[in-house]
Amino acid sequence: MPTPIEGNQVRGHLETMILSVLESEAAHGFEVVKRLCAAGNGALELKEGTVYPVLYRLEDAGLVRSKWEKETTGRRGPRRKIYQLTKRGERQLNSGREQWKSFVNTIGPIVGGVL
């Protein structure tokens, strides 16, 4: 089993990670958490309390938009807020990916023991 990675270890990259998840399909907050954890192959341990504040910030910045579900067809419970990437969010995602590549290329050799 991979070494667990907690929310505080990815905090600087969480916005880009969430935008990446929303790139392919809109989702409610808990679904975003599930997709992130699934993509992390069991190593990523995120909680809703880590992800929801980031979703709110992304919405305030115009990087995602939200709408309430029209109905709760086939399930019980309250309506869910669905988040969707905006054009501005797409641009930010591309920028975040470039920053990530630069980060990995710069920090990777240092942490990997190449020095």
N, C-alpha and C. Protein backbone atom coordinates (compact mmCIF):
# COMPACT_ATOMS: atom_id res chain seq x y z
N MET A 1 0.85 -1.19 0.00
CA MET A 1 0.00 0.00 0.00
C MET A 1 0.89 1.25 0.00
N PRO A 2 0.52 2.26 -0.79
CA PRO A 2 1.33 3.48 -0.85
C PRO A 2 1.30 4.25 0.47
N THR A 3 2.34 5.04 0.68
CA THR A 3 2.41 5.89 1.86
C THR A 3 1.30 6.94 1.79
N PRO A 4 0.50 7.08 2.84
CA PRO A 4 -0.61 8.05 2.81
C PRO A 4 -0.12 9.49 2.64
N ILE A 5 -0.86 10.24 1.85
CA ILE A 5 -0.61 11.66 1.64
C ILE A 5 -1.83 12.40 2.16
N GLU A 6 -1.65 13.25 3.15
CA GLU A 6 -2.76 13.96 3.77
C GLU A 6 -2.98 15.32 3.11
N GLY A 7 -4.14 15.91 3.40
CA GLY A 7 -4.52 17.19 2.81
C GLY A 7 -3.50 18.29 3.00
N ASN A 8 -2.89 18.36 4.18
CA ASN A 8 -1.93 19.44 4.42
C ASN A 8 -0.66 19.29 3.58
N GLN A 9 -0.39 18.10 3.08
CA GLN A 9 0.78 17.88 2.23
C GLN A 9 0.55 18.33 0.79
N VAL A 10 -0.68 18.47 0.39
CA VAL A 10 -1.00 18.88 -1.00
C VAL A 10 -1.64 20.25 -1.05
N ARG A 11 -1.72 20.91 0.08
CA ARG A 11 -2.47 22.16 0.17
C ARG A 11 -2.07 23.18 -0.90
N GLY A 12 -0.81 23.30 -1.22
CA GLY A 12 -0.37 24.27 -2.22
C GLY A 12 -0.78 23.91 -3.64
N HIS A 13 -1.21 22.67 -3.84
CA HIS A 13 -1.57 22.21 -5.18
C HIS A 13 -3.04 21.80 -5.28
N LEU A 14 -3.76 21.95 -4.19
CA LEU A 14 -5.14 21.46 -4.15
C LEU A 14 -6.04 22.18 -5.15
N GLU A 15 -5.86 23.47 -5.34
CA GLU A 15 -6.70 24.19 -6.30
C GLU A 15 -6.54 23.59 -7.70
N THR A 16 -5.31 23.37 -8.12
CA THR A 16 -5.06 22.79 -9.44
C THR A 16 -5.61 21.37 -9.51
N MET A 17 -5.48 20.62 -8.44
CA MET A 17 -6.01 19.25 -8.42
C MET A 17 -7.53 19.25 -8.59
N ILE A 18 -8.21 20.15 -7.89
CA ILE A 18 -9.68 20.23 -7.98
C ILE A 18 -10.10 20.69 -9.37
N LEU A 19 -9.42 21.69 -9.91
CA LEU A 19 -9.74 22.14 -11.27
C LEU A 19 -9.55 20.99 -12.26
N SER A 20 -8.52 20.18 -12.07
CA SER A 20 -8.27 19.03 -12.94
C SER A 20 -9.42 18.04 -12.90
N VAL A 21 -9.92 17.78 -11.70
CA VAL A 21 -11.03 16.84 -11.54
C VAL A 21 -12.29 17.37 -12.23
N LEU A 22 -12.50 18.68 -12.15
CA LEU A 22 -13.70 19.28 -12.74
C LEU A 22 -13.57 19.51 -14.24
N GLU A 23 -12.38 19.32 -14.78
CA GLU A 23 -12.16 19.55 -16.21
C GLU A 23 -13.00 18.60 -17.07
N SER A 24 -13.08 17.35 -16.67
CA SER A 24 -13.78 16.35 -17.48
C SER A 24 -15.28 16.36 -17.26
N GLU A 25 -15.71 16.70 -16.05
CA GLU A 25 -17.14 16.63 -15.74
C GLU A 25 -17.44 17.41 -14.46
N ALA A 26 -18.54 18.13 -14.46
CA ALA A 26 -19.00 18.84 -13.27
C ALA A 26 -19.30 17.82 -12.16
N ALA A 27 -19.20 18.26 -10.91
CA ALA A 27 -19.43 17.34 -9.80
C ALA A 27 -19.77 18.11 -8.54
N HIS A 28 -20.45 17.42 -7.61
CA HIS A 28 -20.69 18.00 -6.29
C HIS A 28 -19.45 17.76 -5.43
N GLY A 29 -19.37 18.45 -4.32
CA GLY A 29 -18.18 18.45 -3.49
C GLY A 29 -17.72 17.07 -3.05
N PHE A 30 -18.64 16.23 -2.59
CA PHE A 30 -18.23 14.90 -2.13
C PHE A 30 -17.70 14.07 -3.29
N GLU A 31 -18.28 14.26 -4.47
CA GLU A 31 -17.79 13.55 -5.66
C GLU A 31 -16.38 14.00 -6.01
N VAL A 32 -16.10 15.28 -5.84
CA VAL A 32 -14.74 15.80 -6.08
C VAL A 32 -13.76 15.09 -5.14
N VAL A 33 -14.12 14.96 -3.88
CA VAL A 33 -13.27 14.27 -2.91
C VAL A 33 -13.05 12.83 -3.34
N LYS A 34 -14.11 12.14 -3.73
CA LYS A 34 -14.00 10.74 -4.16
C LYS A 34 -13.09 10.60 -5.37
N ARG A 35 -13.24 11.49 -6.34
CA ARG A 35 -12.41 11.41 -7.55
C ARG A 35 -10.94 11.67 -7.23
N LEU A 36 -10.69 12.65 -6.39
CA LEU A 36 -9.30 12.94 -6.01
C LEU A 36 -8.67 11.73 -5.30
N CYS A 37 -9.40 11.17 -4.36
CA CYS A 37 -8.87 10.02 -3.62
C CYS A 37 -8.67 8.82 -4.54
N ALA A 38 -9.60 8.59 -5.46
CA ALA A 38 -9.46 7.48 -6.41
C ALA A 38 -8.26 7.69 -7.32
N ALA A 39 -8.06 8.91 -7.78
CA ALA A 39 -6.93 9.21 -8.65
C ALA A 39 -5.61 9.05 -7.91
N GLY A 40 -5.64 9.19 -6.60
CA GLY A 40 -4.44 9.04 -5.78
C GLY A 40 -4.09 7.60 -5.47
N ASN A 41 -4.83 6.65 -6.06
CA ASN A 41 -4.54 5.22 -5.91
C ASN A 41 -4.42 4.76 -4.46
N GLY A 42 -5.27 5.31 -3.61
CA GLY A 42 -5.29 4.88 -2.22
C GLY A 42 -4.32 5.62 -1.31
N ALA A 43 -3.46 6.46 -1.88
CA ALA A 43 -2.49 7.18 -1.05
C ALA A 43 -3.02 8.51 -0.56
N LEU A 44 -3.92 9.12 -1.31
CA LEU A 44 -4.41 10.45 -0.99
C LEU A 44 -5.56 10.37 0.00
N GLU A 45 -5.41 11.03 1.13
CA GLU A 45 -6.43 11.03 2.17
C GLU A 45 -6.94 12.46 2.36
N LEU A 46 -8.04 12.76 1.68
CA LEU A 46 -8.64 14.10 1.77
C LEU A 46 -10.01 13.99 2.41
N LYS A 47 -10.38 15.02 3.12
CA LYS A 47 -11.71 15.09 3.73
C LYS A 47 -12.47 16.26 3.12
N GLU A 48 -13.79 16.20 3.24
CA GLU A 48 -14.62 17.27 2.71
C GLU A 48 -14.23 18.62 3.30
N GLY A 49 -13.87 18.62 4.58
CA GLY A 49 -13.49 19.86 5.26
C GLY A 49 -12.25 20.52 4.68
N THR A 50 -11.48 19.77 3.93
CA THR A 50 -10.32 20.33 3.24
C THR A 50 -10.71 20.87 1.88
N VAL A 51 -11.61 20.17 1.20
CA VAL A 51 -11.95 20.48 -0.20
C VAL A 51 -12.99 21.59 -0.32
N TYR A 52 -14.02 21.59 0.53
CA TYR A 52 -15.09 22.59 0.38
C TYR A 52 -14.61 24.03 0.48
N PRO A 53 -13.74 24.38 1.42
CA PRO A 53 -13.27 25.78 1.44
C PRO A 53 -12.54 26.17 0.15
N VAL A 54 -11.83 25.22 -0.46
CA VAL A 54 -11.14 25.51 -1.72
C VAL A 54 -12.16 25.71 -2.83
N LEU A 55 -13.21 24.89 -2.85
CA LEU A 55 -14.27 25.07 -3.85
C LEU A 55 -14.90 26.46 -3.72
N TYR A 56 -15.14 26.90 -2.49
CA TYR A 56 -15.73 28.23 -2.28
C TYR A 56 -14.80 29.33 -2.79
N ARG A 57 -13.50 29.18 -2.51
CA ARG A 57 -12.52 30.17 -3.00
C ARG A 57 -12.46 30.18 -4.53
N LEU A 58 -12.48 29.00 -5.12
CA LEU A 58 -12.46 28.91 -6.58
C LEU A 58 -13.69 29.57 -7.18
N GLU A 59 -14.83 29.40 -6.52
CA GLU A 59 -16.06 30.03 -7.01
C GLU A 59 -15.98 31.55 -6.86
N ASP A 60 -15.51 32.02 -5.72
CA ASP A 60 -15.36 33.47 -5.50
C ASP A 60 -14.42 34.10 -6.52
N ALA A 61 -13.42 33.34 -6.96
CA ALA A 61 -12.44 33.84 -7.93
C ALA A 61 -12.92 33.70 -9.37
N GLY A 62 -14.11 33.10 -9.56
CA GLY A 62 -14.64 32.93 -10.91
C GLY A 62 -14.02 31.79 -11.69
N LEU A 63 -13.35 30.87 -10.99
CA LEU A 63 -12.70 29.75 -11.66
C LEU A 63 -13.63 28.55 -11.81
N VAL A 64 -14.64 28.48 -10.94
CA VAL A 64 -15.72 27.50 -11.08
C VAL A 64 -17.03 28.23 -10.84
N ARG A 65 -18.09 27.65 -11.35
CA ARG A 65 -19.44 28.14 -11.06
C ARG A 65 -20.22 26.98 -10.46
N SER A 66 -21.26 27.31 -9.74
CA SER A 66 -22.06 26.24 -9.14
C SER A 66 -23.53 26.46 -9.42
N LYS A 67 -24.25 25.37 -9.34
CA LYS A 67 -25.71 25.43 -9.43
C LYS A 67 -26.25 24.28 -8.58
N TRP A 68 -27.44 24.49 -8.08
CA TRP A 68 -28.08 23.46 -7.27
C TRP A 68 -28.74 22.44 -8.18
N GLU A 69 -28.68 21.18 -7.77
CA GLU A 69 -29.38 20.13 -8.50
C GLU A 69 -30.85 20.50 -8.59
N LYS A 70 -31.47 20.15 -9.69
CA LYS A 70 -32.89 20.44 -9.84
C LYS A 70 -33.73 19.53 -8.96
N GLU A 71 -33.30 18.29 -8.83
CA GLU A 71 -34.03 17.35 -7.98
C GLU A 71 -33.07 16.27 -7.52
N THR A 72 -33.55 15.45 -6.61
CA THR A 72 -32.72 14.38 -6.06
C THR A 72 -33.20 13.03 -6.57
N THR A 73 -33.38 12.91 -7.85
CA THR A 73 -33.91 11.70 -8.46
C THR A 73 -33.13 10.46 -8.03
N GLY A 74 -33.86 9.49 -7.52
CA GLY A 74 -33.27 8.21 -7.18
C GLY A 74 -32.45 8.16 -5.91
N ARG A 75 -32.44 9.20 -5.13
CA ARG A 75 -31.70 9.17 -3.88
C ARG A 75 -32.39 10.04 -2.85
N ARG A 76 -32.06 9.79 -1.62
CA ARG A 76 -32.60 10.59 -0.52
C ARG A 76 -31.63 11.70 -0.18
N GLY A 77 -32.14 12.68 0.52
CA GLY A 77 -31.26 13.74 1.00
C GLY A 77 -31.49 15.05 0.29
N PRO A 78 -30.80 16.07 0.75
CA PRO A 78 -30.97 17.40 0.18
C PRO A 78 -30.35 17.50 -1.22
N ARG A 79 -30.74 18.54 -1.92
CA ARG A 79 -30.13 18.80 -3.23
C ARG A 79 -28.65 19.09 -3.02
N ARG A 80 -27.88 18.80 -4.04
CA ARG A 80 -26.43 19.02 -3.94
C ARG A 80 -26.02 20.18 -4.86
N LYS A 81 -24.98 20.85 -4.46
CA LYS A 81 -24.42 21.94 -5.26
C LYS A 81 -23.40 21.34 -6.23
N ILE A 82 -23.61 21.58 -7.51
CA ILE A 82 -22.75 21.02 -8.55
C ILE A 82 -21.77 22.10 -9.02
N TYR A 83 -20.50 21.77 -9.06
CA TYR A 83 -19.45 22.70 -9.45
C TYR A 83 -18.97 22.38 -10.87
N GLN A 84 -18.74 23.45 -11.64
CA GLN A 84 -18.32 23.30 -13.03
C GLN A 84 -17.19 24.28 -13.33
N LEU A 85 -16.22 23.84 -14.09
CA LEU A 85 -15.09 24.67 -14.48
C LEU A 85 -15.55 25.78 -15.43
N THR A 86 -15.05 26.99 -15.25
CA THR A 86 -15.33 28.10 -16.17
C THR A 86 -14.16 28.24 -17.15
N LYS A 87 -14.31 29.10 -18.15
CA LYS A 87 -13.21 29.37 -19.09
C LYS A 87 -12.00 29.92 -18.33
N ARG A 88 -12.27 30.81 -17.40
CA ARG A 88 -11.19 31.36 -16.57
C ARG A 88 -10.52 30.24 -15.77
N GLY A 89 -11.33 29.31 -15.28
CA GLY A 89 -10.79 28.16 -14.55
C GLY A 89 -9.93 27.28 -15.44
N GLU A 90 -10.31 27.13 -16.71
CA GLU A 90 -9.51 26.35 -17.66
C GLU A 90 -8.13 26.99 -17.84
N ARG A 91 -8.12 28.31 -17.98
CA ARG A 91 -6.84 29.01 -18.12
C ARG A 91 -5.98 28.84 -16.86
N GLN A 92 -6.62 28.96 -15.70
CA GLN A 92 -5.89 28.79 -14.44
C GLN A 92 -5.37 27.36 -14.31
N LEU A 93 -6.15 26.39 -14.75
CA LEU A 93 -5.71 25.00 -14.72
C LEU A 93 -4.46 24.81 -15.57
N ASN A 94 -4.46 25.36 -16.77
CA ASN A 94 -3.28 25.26 -17.64
C ASN A 94 -2.06 25.89 -16.98
N SER A 95 -2.26 27.05 -16.36
CA SER A 95 -1.18 27.72 -15.65
C SER A 95 -0.70 26.87 -14.47
N GLY A 96 -1.64 26.31 -13.73
CA GLY A 96 -1.30 25.45 -12.59
C GLY A 96 -0.51 24.22 -13.01
N ARG A 97 -0.86 23.67 -14.16
CA ARG A 97 -0.12 22.51 -14.66
C ARG A 97 1.32 22.88 -15.02
N GLU A 98 1.49 24.04 -15.62
CA GLU A 98 2.84 24.51 -15.95
C GLU A 98 3.65 24.74 -14.68
N GLN A 99 3.02 25.33 -13.66
CA GLN A 99 3.69 25.54 -12.38
C GLN A 99 4.08 24.20 -11.75
N TRP A 100 3.19 23.23 -11.86
CA TRP A 100 3.46 21.90 -11.30
C TRP A 100 4.67 21.27 -11.98
N LYS A 101 4.72 21.35 -13.31
CA LYS A 101 5.86 20.78 -14.04
C LYS A 101 7.16 21.44 -13.60
N SER A 102 7.14 22.75 -13.46
CA SER A 102 8.32 23.48 -13.02
C SER A 102 8.72 23.06 -11.61
N PHE A 103 7.73 22.91 -10.73
CA PHE A 103 7.97 22.49 -9.35
C PHE A 103 8.65 21.11 -9.32
N VAL A 104 8.08 20.17 -10.06
CA VAL A 104 8.62 18.80 -10.07
C VAL A 104 10.03 18.78 -10.66
N ASN A 105 10.23 19.51 -11.74
CA ASN A 105 11.55 19.54 -12.38
C ASN A 105 12.61 20.21 -11.50
N THR A 106 12.19 21.15 -10.68
CA THR A 106 13.13 21.86 -9.81
C THR A 106 13.36 21.12 -8.49
N ILE A 107 12.29 20.73 -7.85
CA ILE A 107 12.38 20.12 -6.52
C ILE A 107 12.69 18.63 -6.58
N GLY A 108 12.23 17.96 -7.62
CA GLY A 108 12.43 16.51 -7.75
C GLY A 108 13.88 16.08 -7.58
N PRO A 109 14.81 16.69 -8.31
CA PRO A 109 16.21 16.29 -8.15
C PRO A 109 16.77 16.55 -6.75
N ILE A 110 16.30 17.60 -6.11
CA ILE A 110 16.78 17.92 -4.76
C ILE A 110 16.30 16.86 -3.78
N VAL A 111 15.01 16.60 -3.79
CA VAL A 111 14.43 15.64 -2.86
C VAL A 111 14.85 14.21 -3.22
N GLY A 112 15.02 13.97 -4.51
CA GLY A 112 15.40 12.64 -4.96
C GLY A 112 16.85 12.26 -4.68
N GLY A 113 17.62 13.19 -4.14
CA GLY A 113 18.99 12.89 -3.75
C GLY A 113 20.01 13.00 -4.87
N VAL A 114 19.68 13.74 -5.91
CA VAL A 114 20.60 13.88 -7.04
C VAL A 114 21.76 14.79 -6.70
N LEU A 115 21.55 15.73 -5.78
CA LEU A 115 22.63 16.68 -5.42
C LEU A 115 23.75 16.01 -4.66
